[in-house]
Amino acid sequence: MVDHLVFFAVREDASPKEVRDLLDSIRGLKDEVPGTMDLSVGEDFSGRSGDYTHALFARFEDAAGLKGYMEHPAHLAVVEKLEATTSGRIVADYEF
């Protein structure tokens, strides 16, 4: 199994509509990208994430599943939205 974690910071000037669209697009990846076993995204409520406002979790059966996700057109479209709506992100992938 492979977990994919992304922490990102929404720009302060991003509109609520832009943020909703981004989160809905991310959530849609679970059904759009084959091999995505689980996926969730949400806003941090704890205040413990430093400058990162949101987090994404996705799980794949193996590294090939993650690779397919990373190259999928739906994911690439979400990355464009991330780049337009966020001011920074950090990614971690691990196998277990």
Protein backbone atom coordinates (compact mmCIF):
# COMPACT_ATOMS: atom_id res chain seq x y z
CA MET A 1 0.00 0.00 0.00
CA VAL A 2 1.08 3.55 -0.73
CA ASP A 3 -0.19 6.69 1.00
CA HIS A 4 0.04 10.11 -0.63
CA LEU A 5 -0.19 13.14 1.67
CA VAL A 6 -0.37 16.75 0.55
CA PHE A 7 -0.51 19.78 2.81
CA PHE A 8 -1.31 23.05 1.09
CA ALA A 9 -1.92 26.70 1.93
CA VAL A 10 -4.85 28.42 0.23
CA ARG A 11 -4.00 31.97 -0.85
CA GLU A 12 -5.54 34.62 1.38
CA ASP A 13 -7.10 36.30 -1.66
CA ALA A 14 -8.73 33.09 -2.95
CA SER A 15 -12.49 33.40 -3.02
CA PRO A 16 -14.71 30.90 -1.19
CA LYS A 17 -15.99 29.78 -4.62
CA GLU A 18 -12.42 29.05 -5.82
CA VAL A 19 -11.69 27.05 -2.67
CA ARG A 20 -14.95 25.06 -2.99
CA ASP A 21 -14.18 24.34 -6.64
CA LEU A 22 -10.66 23.17 -5.77
CA LEU A 23 -11.84 20.87 -2.97
CA ASP A 24 -14.68 19.45 -5.09
CA SER A 25 -12.23 18.79 -7.92
CA ILE A 26 -9.87 17.00 -5.55
CA ARG A 27 -12.70 14.88 -4.12
CA GLY A 28 -13.75 13.92 -7.64
CA LEU A 29 -10.39 12.27 -8.24
CA LYS A 30 -11.43 9.28 -6.12
CA ASP A 31 -13.98 8.27 -8.75
CA GLU A 32 -12.16 9.61 -11.82
CA VAL A 33 -8.74 8.03 -11.38
CA PRO A 34 -8.57 4.23 -11.54
CA GLY A 35 -6.66 2.63 -8.70
CA THR A 36 -7.50 5.30 -6.12
CA MET A 37 -8.53 3.24 -3.11
CA ASP A 38 -9.32 6.11 -0.77
CA LEU A 39 -9.13 9.89 -0.93
CA SER A 40 -10.14 12.70 1.39
CA VAL A 41 -9.40 16.41 1.63
CA GLY A 42 -10.33 19.06 4.15
CA GLU A 43 -9.47 22.22 6.00
CA ASP A 44 -7.30 21.96 9.09
CA PHE A 45 -9.30 22.86 12.19
CA SER A 46 -6.64 22.20 14.81
CA GLY A 47 -4.37 25.15 14.09
CA ARG A 48 -1.38 22.80 14.35
CA SER A 49 -0.48 22.73 10.65
CA GLY A 50 1.62 25.88 10.59
CA ASP A 51 0.93 27.87 7.45
CA TYR A 52 -0.84 24.98 5.71
CA THR A 53 -4.61 25.40 5.67
CA HIS A 54 -5.70 22.10 4.11
CA ALA A 55 -4.61 18.48 3.78
CA LEU A 56 -5.22 15.72 1.26
CA PHE A 57 -4.88 11.97 1.84
CA ALA A 58 -4.97 9.38 -0.93
CA ARG A 59 -4.24 5.64 -0.81
CA PHE A 60 -3.15 3.32 -3.61
CA GLU A 61 -2.48 -0.38 -3.80
CA ASP A 62 1.11 0.17 -4.91
CA ALA A 63 3.58 2.67 -6.37
CA ALA A 64 2.27 1.99 -9.88
CA GLY A 65 -1.18 3.16 -8.72
CA LEU A 66 0.31 6.40 -7.42
CA LYS A 67 2.21 6.86 -10.68
CA GLY A 68 -1.00 6.41 -12.68
CA TYR A 69 -2.73 8.96 -10.44
CA MET A 70 0.08 11.48 -10.86
CA GLU A 71 -0.07 11.18 -14.66
CA HIS A 72 -3.87 11.08 -15.02
CA PRO A 73 -5.38 14.10 -16.88
CA ALA A 74 -7.91 14.71 -14.08
CA HIS A 75 -5.08 14.93 -11.55
CA LEU A 76 -3.07 17.23 -13.81
CA ALA A 77 -6.11 19.54 -14.06
CA VAL A 78 -6.32 19.64 -10.25
CA VAL A 79 -2.63 20.48 -10.04
CA GLU A 80 -3.30 23.52 -12.25
CA LYS A 81 -6.04 24.63 -9.84
CA LEU A 82 -3.71 24.06 -6.89
CA GLU A 83 -1.05 26.21 -8.49
CA ALA A 84 -3.58 29.00 -9.11
CA THR A 85 -5.25 28.86 -5.69
CA THR A 86 -2.49 28.03 -3.23
CA SER A 87 0.69 29.68 -2.03
CA GLY A 88 2.58 26.57 -1.06
CA ARG A 89 2.39 22.84 -0.54
CA ILE A 90 4.37 19.92 0.73
CA VAL A 91 3.99 16.32 -0.41
CA ALA A 92 4.96 13.03 1.21
CA ASP A 93 4.51 9.55 -0.24
CA TYR A 94 5.27 6.38 1.67
CA GLU A 95 4.84 2.66 1.27
CA PHE A 96 3.71 0.38 4.05
